[in-house]
Each structure stands twice: as structure tokens, then as C-alpha cells.
Amino acid sequence: MIKDREVCLFLTLRCNQKCKYCHRFLGIDDLELNYNEKVIDKIAKDGITNMTFTGGEPLLYSNIIELLKLAKKKGINSKLITNGQILATQPKMREVYNYLDSITLSIDTINNEVNEEMGRGYNHFENIKIVLDSLKGKDLKVNINTVVSKMSIDYIEELGNFLRDYNINAWRIFKFVPLRETAKINREMFDISKAEFRINRPVFTSFPNIKKIEFREENDMENKYVLVMPNGNVVITENEKDVTIGNILKNNLSEILNTRTQRKEPKKANQKIRTLISYNNEKERNAILKKVRELDYVDIIGVSANGIDTYNKIINLKPEMVFANYNMNGMNGLEILQRSKERLKTEMPIFNFITNELPRNEINLLVNVADHKINALISENQKEESIVNTLKEYKKFKE
């Protein structure tokens, strides 16, 4: 259904940057203004009140201001996704601020050399800073899109320290996905595992001044968006493949999506998440247990207070999820992981370790041993809330 998806209108596939990890579409020409006006009219008649103008670089579309004015007249809340280069170098284009409800800027690192190597351009960080400064005091929401890849993953913290000086509404964190075109060609340069992506989440959440932080992986992106191409084709992504399901110049979006026959996998049985809680401090462990027991879809099958007991309960009880101190008496998290893998192989549980800080080399060891069986590192300071949120996310993923 439309209400479950974000409608993205691709005004152009042209871009003024050459990002080597980009998965934008290629080879489709822009629609003339009158056709795009018809598209917006149809979107409005479908009752859609939120829409994203994107590309390529949408500010390269010569009539974008006319379209933004039309969308505003039709009662559509408009969001623009831009790399910021035009807004930084052509101040007159900042007129678009008057017709937007939110603007999303794309930046993955403040390191100039890395930006240059990735194809953003050496001055990309400086351009984003100019745009963010120009947005101060404006009555529109400012969002940031960041792609986490092999080339940018070590620069997350310094990016967060830069962003904390601005009024950021939402920071959206995307795992690099080799979905199409250039991203597929350069996969080896940028690809990271789900474990590497998930284990770095606590770095992002250490910036509480940013109002909202959202994470996107492959499945999230497939279920989140409906794409309207510059030729009017309506595209959704299924099983990491783009599927054209209609054309908005011929039919309304609601008709296209309602008539789309999708192959649905049988729903998994609604079983509770078998969970093991391991924490060495009894008082704090009880606080965790109290919060988790409030979740009716979780079954706490075991509790432990040291590394050896945790390992034994993993082998004997075979939980689905484990939340454990990383540093416990008798055996630390890496040792538990290694020995669990030796005994249980592919049947080992999904691990979430509670720790404030781990050296990068030890994180890399965890990822290499566990791959997708590592879900998150959880901060000691926010452990109860983070554990509950992790279980909620996992439940949603299973559904």
C-alpha cells in the first residue's frame, strides 16, 4: 500500500558528482515540465501528502522550482535529497528553501581525501558546511544521509562530532548495498558485512543531540520506497532486484500498487524470541530482566553472571538471542563466540555484547568469527533501553 512506502520522484538521473558507490539508475532522459506536472497532479489526487524529490542531483532539473511550487499548491509536503554542491556554489538556488518542508544532505565523511577517492569531490565537506550554515534559522527540517561502507566506516565519529553543532532532525544511516549500476561494478571497494554495519551502530547513537537516528539495510530499503522514474515508470525493489510495475502517466500509483501481485513467503510461526541474559552485576541484571519481561514476545530461557556459565547455557539451552557483558569472569565475549561457533556451527545464536569500548582490532576479530551472527554492541549507559529496542527490531525483522 502507498501509505507504507515513501514516494520518491526522480526528476533527473544526471549528477554533478561521480560517486563510485552510487546505485542510481542510468540511461533514462528527463521528462519535460508538463509531464512532470501531470505526475505531481496524479500523486496529489491519490491522497499522497509526502513526497521526495531526488535524482541524480535533482537541482540539475531546470524547472525544479516550478514543480516545488506546484507540489506546495497541491498540499504535498516536499523533501529534497541533494549532495549540496549547487546550493553551496549557486546561492540563488536557495530559493528552493521557500517551498520545502525538509531537506536531506548526503555526506559520509568529513575527510577530504576519502571524499575525493569515493568520487564525491575534494570540497564536498566544505560544501555541506556552507549549506548547513545557510539553513540556520530556516523553518524546515534538516536531515543527513550517510552511507556506511568499507571506505567510510572508520570516520563515523568525526562526522558525528561535526553534525552535533547543527540542528539535525534525522540522521539516516544506510548500509552500502551493491544494488545496481556503479555500486555493483565497485562492490569490492565498498562492501561491508551486516555484522560490521550493526556492530558500529553504538557510535551513531552516542550523539543524543541529533533528534532521530535511523538505520537502513537491504530489507528496509526494499520495503520502504516506491520509485517514480524520469520516464514515469514505477519501480519497487524485490530480492535485491528492481521491478517495474507500471507507469504513472498511464495509471495512478494506487492502481499500480493494488494490482501488483506479489509472491509472499509463508509467515513464520509466531514464536517467542528465546533469549539468554548474561550480566555480572546482579542489581543491573535484574533491571535488564525487568524491562525484557515486559515484552510478551520474548521468552527468557536463561540467566547467567559469568562467562563460563554463559557458554554452557548457550550450548545446552540453544537460545536464539544472547545479550551478554563482553568482559566477564572466566571467558570474554570473543572466547564465548569462538567456542560457541566450534560447537554449534550455523546453529549458534545471535550475539549482542554490552560494553562501552572495544579496540578496532578486537571488533574486527568479532566480525571475522561471527559474521552475521553479531548483531550489536550495546552501551553500558543505555543498556536496558537498547536491549529492548534491539529485541523490537529483531521481532520486526522476523515478521
Protein backbone atom coordinates (compact mmCIF):
# COMPACT_ATOMS: atom_id res chain seq x y z
CA MET A 1 0.00 0.00 0.00
CA ILE A 2 1.11 3.58 -0.70
CA LYS A 3 0.82 4.66 2.94
CA ASP A 4 3.50 2.12 3.87
CA ARG A 5 6.03 3.46 1.36
CA GLU A 6 7.94 6.66 0.70
CA VAL A 7 7.22 8.02 -2.80
CA CYS A 8 10.42 9.20 -4.49
CA LEU A 9 10.20 11.22 -7.71
CA PHE A 10 13.40 11.02 -9.77
CA LEU A 11 13.47 14.31 -11.67
CA THR A 12 16.74 13.51 -13.40
CA LEU A 13 19.42 10.83 -13.35
CA ARG A 14 22.13 13.36 -14.20
CA CYS A 15 24.58 14.18 -11.42
CA ASN A 16 27.45 16.60 -10.81
CA GLN A 17 29.37 14.08 -8.71
CA LYS A 18 30.88 10.73 -9.67
CA CYS A 19 30.40 8.59 -6.56
CA LYS A 20 31.89 5.17 -7.13
CA TYR A 21 29.42 3.56 -4.72
CA CYS A 22 26.27 5.16 -6.15
CA HIS A 23 23.37 2.88 -7.12
CA ARG A 24 21.37 5.47 -9.05
CA PHE A 25 19.69 4.40 -12.25
CA LEU A 26 21.31 5.34 -15.58
CA GLY A 27 20.19 5.80 -19.17
CA ILE A 28 16.78 7.49 -18.78
CA ASP A 29 16.19 11.02 -20.09
CA ASP A 30 14.36 13.73 -18.15
CA LEU A 31 10.63 14.33 -18.62
CA GLU A 32 9.53 17.72 -19.90
CA LEU A 33 7.90 20.06 -17.40
CA ASN A 34 4.29 19.43 -18.50
CA TYR A 35 4.66 15.67 -18.00
CA ASN A 36 6.14 16.10 -14.52
CA GLU A 37 3.24 18.42 -13.70
CA LYS A 38 0.88 15.57 -14.64
CA VAL A 39 2.84 13.21 -12.40
CA ILE A 40 2.53 15.55 -9.40
CA ASP A 41 -1.17 16.06 -10.13
CA LYS A 42 -1.75 12.28 -10.10
CA ILE A 43 0.25 11.87 -6.90
CA ALA A 44 -1.85 14.56 -5.21
CA LYS A 45 -5.13 13.01 -6.42
CA ASP A 46 -4.01 9.73 -4.85
CA GLY A 47 -4.04 11.44 -1.47
CA ILE A 48 -0.27 11.29 -1.07
CA THR A 49 0.83 14.13 1.19
CA ASN A 50 4.57 13.40 1.45
CA MET A 51 6.97 13.11 -1.46
CA THR A 52 10.73 13.15 -2.01
CA PHE A 53 12.34 14.91 -4.97
CA THR A 54 15.54 13.06 -5.83
CA GLY A 55 17.90 12.01 -8.64
CA GLY A 56 20.76 12.02 -9.70
CA GLU A 57 21.07 15.54 -8.48
CA PRO A 58 17.52 16.96 -8.63
CA LEU A 59 18.74 20.58 -8.65
CA LEU A 60 20.11 19.94 -12.15
CA TYR A 61 16.49 19.77 -13.38
CA SER A 62 15.90 23.22 -14.84
CA ASN A 63 12.24 23.53 -13.77
CA ILE A 64 12.55 22.21 -10.24
CA ILE A 65 11.30 25.42 -8.60
CA GLU A 66 8.11 25.34 -10.70
CA LEU A 67 7.49 21.74 -9.61
CA LEU A 68 8.13 22.51 -5.94
CA LYS A 69 5.68 25.41 -6.14
CA LEU A 70 3.07 23.10 -7.72
CA ALA A 71 3.57 20.44 -5.05
CA LYS A 72 3.11 23.05 -2.32
CA LYS A 73 -0.07 24.31 -4.02
CA LYS A 74 -1.39 20.72 -4.11
CA GLY A 75 -0.82 20.30 -0.37
CA ILE A 76 2.17 17.95 -0.70
CA ASN A 77 4.93 18.08 1.91
CA SER A 78 8.12 18.08 -0.13
CA LYS A 79 11.55 16.73 0.73
CA LEU A 80 14.64 17.30 -1.40
CA ILE A 81 17.67 15.00 -1.38
CA THR A 82 20.79 16.76 -2.63
CA ASN A 83 24.57 16.47 -2.48
CA GLY A 84 24.66 20.21 -1.69
CA GLN A 85 27.13 21.26 -4.36
CA ILE A 86 24.74 23.57 -6.26
CA LEU A 87 23.31 25.09 -3.09
CA ALA A 88 26.87 25.83 -1.88
CA THR A 89 28.13 27.37 -5.12
CA GLN A 90 24.94 28.99 -6.51
CA PRO A 91 23.24 30.92 -3.66
CA LYS A 92 20.31 31.91 -5.91
CA MET A 93 19.20 28.25 -5.94
CA ARG A 94 18.49 28.50 -2.22
CA GLU A 95 15.11 29.82 -3.26
CA VAL A 96 14.03 26.17 -3.06
CA TYR A 97 14.09 26.51 0.75
CA ASN A 98 10.84 28.52 0.46
CA TYR A 99 8.91 25.55 -0.96
CA LEU A 100 10.39 22.67 1.02
CA ASP A 101 9.32 21.06 4.28
CA SER A 102 12.60 19.20 4.71
CA ILE A 103 15.96 18.89 3.01
CA THR A 104 18.32 15.92 3.13
CA LEU A 105 22.05 16.36 2.56
CA SER A 106 24.32 13.45 1.66
CA ILE A 107 27.65 13.15 3.46
CA ASP A 108 29.60 10.05 4.53
CA THR A 109 32.81 11.56 5.92
CA ILE A 110 34.40 14.94 6.58
CA ASN A 111 37.77 13.63 5.32
CA ASN A 112 38.59 15.44 2.07
CA GLU A 113 40.93 12.75 0.73
CA VAL A 114 38.37 9.99 1.29
CA ASN A 115 35.62 12.10 -0.32
CA GLU A 116 37.88 12.60 -3.33
CA GLU A 117 38.66 8.88 -3.56
CA MET A 118 34.98 7.91 -3.28
CA GLY A 119 34.03 10.33 -6.07
CA ARG A 120 32.26 13.00 -4.00
CA GLY A 121 34.97 15.55 -4.72
CA TYR A 122 37.66 17.06 -2.51
CA ASN A 123 35.49 20.03 -1.42
CA HIS A 124 32.38 18.01 -0.55
CA PHE A 125 32.67 18.53 3.22
CA GLU A 126 33.22 22.29 2.80
CA ASN A 127 30.13 22.47 0.52
CA ILE A 128 27.96 20.66 3.08
CA LYS A 129 29.18 23.02 5.81
CA ILE A 130 28.25 26.06 3.67
CA VAL A 131 24.75 24.65 3.09
CA LEU A 132 24.20 23.74 6.74
CA ASP A 133 25.23 27.25 7.76
CA SER A 134 22.82 28.72 5.17
CA LEU A 135 19.98 26.66 6.67
CA LYS A 136 20.38 28.05 10.19
CA GLY A 137 17.17 29.78 11.22
CA LYS A 138 15.17 28.36 8.31
CA ASP A 139 11.78 26.80 9.03
CA LEU A 140 12.44 23.38 7.52
CA LYS A 141 13.75 20.10 8.81
CA VAL A 142 17.35 19.22 8.02
CA ASN A 143 18.26 15.55 7.57
CA ILE A 144 21.52 13.79 6.80
CA ASN A 145 22.01 10.64 4.69
CA THR A 146 25.19 8.65 5.35
CA VAL A 147 26.28 5.51 3.53
CA VAL A 148 28.45 3.24 5.67
CA SER A 149 30.99 1.41 3.53
CA LYS A 150 34.48 -0.04 3.78
CA MET A 151 35.90 3.39 2.90
CA SER A 152 33.88 5.49 5.34
CA ILE A 153 33.34 3.21 8.35
CA ASP A 154 36.40 4.48 10.27
CA TYR A 155 35.31 8.13 10.03
CA ILE A 156 31.88 7.91 11.67
CA GLU A 157 32.78 9.53 14.98
CA GLU A 158 34.37 12.65 13.49
CA LEU A 159 31.35 13.08 11.20
CA GLY A 160 29.04 12.88 14.22
CA ASN A 161 31.15 15.44 16.10
CA PHE A 162 30.76 17.82 13.15
CA LEU A 163 26.99 17.31 12.84
CA ARG A 164 26.35 17.85 16.55
CA ASP A 165 26.90 21.59 16.05
CA TYR A 166 23.81 21.81 13.83
CA ASN A 167 20.09 21.33 14.37
CA ILE A 168 19.77 17.93 12.67
CA ASN A 169 16.27 16.45 12.60
CA ALA A 170 17.22 12.93 11.45
CA TRP A 171 20.44 11.11 10.65
CA ARG A 172 19.71 8.22 8.28
CA ILE A 173 22.40 5.56 8.17
CA PHE A 174 22.46 3.30 5.12
CA LYS A 175 24.50 0.13 4.78
CA PHE A 176 26.26 0.12 1.41
CA VAL A 177 24.21 -2.02 -0.97
CA PRO A 178 25.59 -3.09 -4.38
CA LEU A 179 22.11 -2.80 -5.83
CA ARG A 180 22.69 -1.59 -9.38
CA GLU A 181 24.95 0.15 -11.90
CA THR A 182 28.12 1.76 -10.46
CA ALA A 183 27.67 0.23 -7.00
CA LYS A 184 27.72 -3.26 -8.49
CA ILE A 185 30.86 -2.55 -10.52
CA ASN A 186 32.78 -1.22 -7.50
CA ARG A 187 31.42 -3.65 -4.92
CA GLU A 188 34.84 -4.81 -3.71
CA MET A 189 35.87 -1.26 -2.83
CA PHE A 190 32.91 -0.60 -0.55
CA ASP A 191 31.12 -3.77 0.58
CA ILE A 192 30.79 -4.48 4.30
CA SER A 193 29.01 -7.29 6.10
CA LYS A 194 25.82 -6.85 8.10
CA ALA A 195 27.84 -7.62 11.22
CA GLU A 196 30.28 -4.77 10.54
CA PHE A 197 27.35 -2.42 9.96
CA ARG A 198 25.43 -3.46 13.06
CA ILE A 199 28.39 -3.56 15.39
CA ASN A 200 29.13 0.10 14.63
CA ARG A 201 25.62 1.33 15.48
CA PRO A 202 26.53 2.47 19.01
CA VAL A 203 28.91 5.06 17.54
CA PHE A 204 25.96 6.80 15.87
CA THR A 205 23.75 6.67 18.93
CA SER A 206 26.46 8.38 21.02
CA PHE A 207 25.24 11.73 19.63
CA PRO A 208 21.99 12.28 21.60
CA ASN A 209 21.65 15.90 20.40
CA ILE A 210 20.61 14.57 16.97
CA LYS A 211 16.86 14.11 17.32
CA LYS A 212 16.41 10.85 15.42
CA ILE A 213 18.80 8.20 14.11
CA GLU A 214 17.51 5.60 11.65
CA PHE A 215 19.27 2.59 10.18
CA ARG A 216 18.63 1.10 6.74
CA GLU A 217 19.76 -2.30 5.47
CA GLU A 218 18.77 -4.18 2.31
CA ASN A 219 15.38 -5.37 3.57
CA ASP A 220 14.49 -1.96 4.98
CA MET A 221 15.18 -0.28 1.66
CA GLU A 222 13.15 -2.82 -0.30
CA ASN A 223 10.06 -2.33 1.87
CA LYS A 224 10.36 1.43 2.33
CA TYR A 225 10.31 3.05 -1.11
CA VAL A 226 8.30 3.28 -4.32
CA LEU A 227 10.31 4.96 -7.07
CA VAL A 228 8.93 7.05 -9.93
CA MET A 229 11.48 7.24 -12.74
CA PRO A 230 12.02 10.24 -15.08
CA ASN A 231 10.07 8.36 -17.79
CA GLY A 232 7.12 7.73 -15.43
CA ASN A 233 7.93 4.07 -14.75
CA VAL A 234 7.07 2.94 -11.22
CA VAL A 235 9.77 0.73 -9.71
CA ILE A 236 9.99 -1.27 -6.50
CA THR A 237 12.87 -3.44 -5.32
CA GLU A 238 12.31 -7.12 -4.53
CA ASN A 239 15.02 -9.60 -3.57
CA GLU A 240 17.69 -7.02 -4.48
CA LYS A 241 16.27 -6.63 -8.00
CA ASP A 242 14.42 -3.67 -9.50
CA VAL A 243 10.95 -4.48 -10.80
CA THR A 244 8.94 -2.10 -13.00
CA ILE A 245 5.29 -2.49 -12.02
CA GLY A 246 3.62 0.20 -14.12
CA ASN A 247 3.78 3.76 -15.41
CA ILE A 248 2.27 6.70 -13.55
CA LEU A 249 1.49 8.53 -16.79
CA LYS A 250 -0.94 5.70 -17.59
CA ASN A 251 -2.29 4.72 -14.16
CA ASN A 252 -2.38 6.18 -10.66
CA LEU A 253 0.06 4.85 -8.08
CA SER A 254 -2.76 3.35 -6.01
CA GLU A 255 -3.99 1.35 -9.02
CA ILE A 256 -0.47 0.17 -9.85
CA LEU A 257 0.31 -0.98 -6.32
CA ASN A 258 -3.12 -2.51 -5.69
CA THR A 259 -2.98 -4.62 -8.84
CA ARG A 260 0.58 -5.73 -8.23
CA THR A 261 0.60 -9.45 -7.45
CA GLN A 262 3.47 -10.22 -5.12
CA ARG A 263 4.73 -13.62 -4.20
CA LYS A 264 4.59 -13.75 -0.43
CA GLU A 265 6.55 -16.16 1.66
CA PRO A 266 4.58 -18.08 4.26
CA LYS A 267 4.56 -16.25 7.56
CA LYS A 268 6.83 -17.67 10.20
CA ALA A 269 5.19 -19.12 13.25
CA ASN A 270 4.61 -16.51 15.92
CA GLN A 271 7.11 -17.98 18.35
CA LYS A 272 8.66 -16.08 21.20
CA ILE A 273 12.30 -15.00 20.92
CA ARG A 274 14.31 -17.40 23.09
CA THR A 275 16.71 -15.11 24.92
CA LEU A 276 19.67 -15.53 27.28
CA ILE A 277 20.63 -12.59 29.53
CA SER A 278 24.18 -12.56 30.92
CA TYR A 279 25.36 -9.75 33.17
CA ASN A 280 27.79 -9.85 36.07
CA ASN A 281 26.20 -7.19 38.34
CA GLU A 282 23.10 -8.65 40.00
CA LYS A 283 21.29 -5.34 40.58
CA GLU A 284 21.78 -4.17 37.00
CA ARG A 285 20.99 -7.64 35.67
CA ASN A 286 17.66 -7.55 37.47
CA ALA A 287 16.92 -4.14 35.94
CA ILE A 288 17.52 -5.62 32.48
CA LEU A 289 15.34 -8.65 33.23
CA LYS A 290 12.50 -6.43 34.48
CA LYS A 291 12.46 -4.46 31.20
CA VAL A 292 12.73 -7.52 28.94
CA ARG A 293 9.96 -9.38 30.79
CA GLU A 294 7.58 -6.60 29.77
CA LEU A 295 7.88 -7.82 26.16
CA ASP A 296 5.27 -10.54 25.59
CA TYR A 297 7.10 -11.86 22.52
CA VAL A 298 10.31 -12.68 24.44
CA ASP A 299 10.99 -15.87 26.41
CA ILE A 300 13.94 -15.52 28.82
CA ILE A 301 15.22 -19.09 28.87
CA GLY A 302 18.36 -18.47 30.89
CA VAL A 303 20.28 -16.02 33.09
CA SER A 304 23.99 -16.07 33.92
CA ALA A 305 26.61 -13.98 35.68
CA ASN A 306 29.96 -15.20 34.29
CA GLY A 307 31.50 -16.24 31.01
CA ILE A 308 31.75 -19.99 31.61
CA ASP A 309 28.13 -20.28 32.74
CA THR A 310 27.05 -18.19 29.73
CA TYR A 311 28.88 -20.51 27.32
CA ASN A 312 27.43 -23.63 28.96
CA LYS A 313 23.89 -22.26 28.78
CA ILE A 314 24.36 -21.33 25.12
CA ILE A 315 25.37 -24.92 24.33
CA ASN A 316 22.67 -26.57 26.45
CA LEU A 317 19.71 -24.19 26.01
CA LYS A 318 20.41 -23.04 22.42
CA PRO A 319 18.91 -19.54 22.71
CA GLU A 320 18.03 -17.51 19.64
CA MET A 321 19.40 -14.23 21.06
CA VAL A 322 22.13 -13.57 23.61
CA PHE A 323 22.75 -10.32 25.49
CA ALA A 324 25.98 -10.53 27.46
CA ASN A 325 28.72 -8.49 29.11
CA TYR A 326 31.72 -8.54 26.82
CA ASN A 327 34.16 -8.70 29.74
CA MET A 328 33.07 -11.40 32.20
CA ASN A 329 34.96 -13.62 34.60
CA GLY A 330 36.16 -16.91 33.16
CA MET A 331 35.59 -16.15 29.47
CA ASN A 332 35.18 -12.94 27.49
CA GLY A 333 32.83 -12.30 24.57
CA LEU A 334 35.29 -13.27 21.84
CA GLU A 335 36.09 -16.58 23.56
CA ILE A 336 32.38 -17.35 24.03
CA LEU A 337 31.81 -16.57 20.37
CA GLN A 338 34.68 -18.75 19.15
CA ARG A 339 33.78 -21.74 21.29
CA SER A 340 30.05 -21.45 20.52
CA LYS A 341 30.84 -21.48 16.80
CA GLU A 342 33.06 -24.55 17.19
CA ARG A 343 30.27 -26.47 18.96
CA LEU A 344 27.09 -25.16 17.31
CA LYS A 345 28.38 -24.02 13.91
CA THR A 346 25.46 -22.48 11.94
CA GLU A 347 23.08 -23.07 14.89
CA MET A 348 24.86 -20.62 17.17
CA PRO A 349 22.71 -17.74 18.46
CA ILE A 350 22.76 -14.07 17.53
CA PHE A 351 25.06 -12.19 19.88
CA ASN A 352 24.72 -8.70 21.36
CA PHE A 353 27.57 -7.62 23.63
CA ILE A 354 27.30 -4.97 26.34
CA THR A 355 30.44 -2.85 26.51
CA ASN A 356 31.46 0.79 26.45
CA GLU A 357 34.55 0.48 24.33
CA LEU A 358 36.39 -2.14 22.29
CA PRO A 359 39.59 -1.67 20.25
CA ARG A 360 39.03 -1.70 16.48
CA ASN A 361 41.20 -4.83 16.06
CA GLU A 362 39.02 -6.73 18.54
CA ILE A 363 35.84 -5.60 16.77
CA ASN A 364 37.33 -6.90 13.52
CA LEU A 365 38.04 -10.25 15.20
CA LEU A 366 34.42 -10.49 16.36
CA VAL A 367 33.14 -9.77 12.87
CA ASN A 368 35.51 -12.30 11.27
CA VAL A 369 34.47 -15.05 13.68
CA ALA A 370 30.72 -14.42 13.78
CA ASP A 371 29.85 -12.62 10.52
CA HIS A 372 26.05 -12.12 10.52
CA LYS A 373 25.69 -13.69 13.97
CA ILE A 374 26.89 -10.44 15.56
CA ASN A 375 24.00 -8.02 15.85
CA ALA A 376 25.11 -5.07 18.02
CA LEU A 377 27.45 -3.62 20.61
CA ILE A 378 25.35 -2.07 23.36
CA SER A 379 26.49 0.83 25.53
CA GLU A 380 26.63 0.22 29.29
CA ASN A 381 24.98 3.61 29.84
CA GLN A 382 21.81 2.79 27.87
CA LYS A 383 21.70 -0.98 28.10
CA GLU A 384 18.10 -1.55 29.24
CA GLU A 385 16.60 0.71 26.56
CA SER A 386 18.98 -0.56 23.87
CA ILE A 387 18.26 -4.22 24.64
CA VAL A 388 14.50 -3.61 24.43
CA ASN A 389 14.89 -1.70 21.14
CA THR A 390 17.11 -4.44 19.70
CA LEU A 391 14.50 -7.08 20.51
CA LYS A 392 11.77 -4.93 18.97
CA GLU A 393 13.83 -4.52 15.78
CA TYR A 394 14.53 -8.26 15.66
CA LYS A 395 10.85 -9.09 16.05
CA LYS A 396 10.02 -6.74 13.19
CA PHE A 397 12.75 -8.31 11.04
CA LYS A 398 11.38 -11.82 11.66
CA GLU A 399 7.89 -10.75 10.66
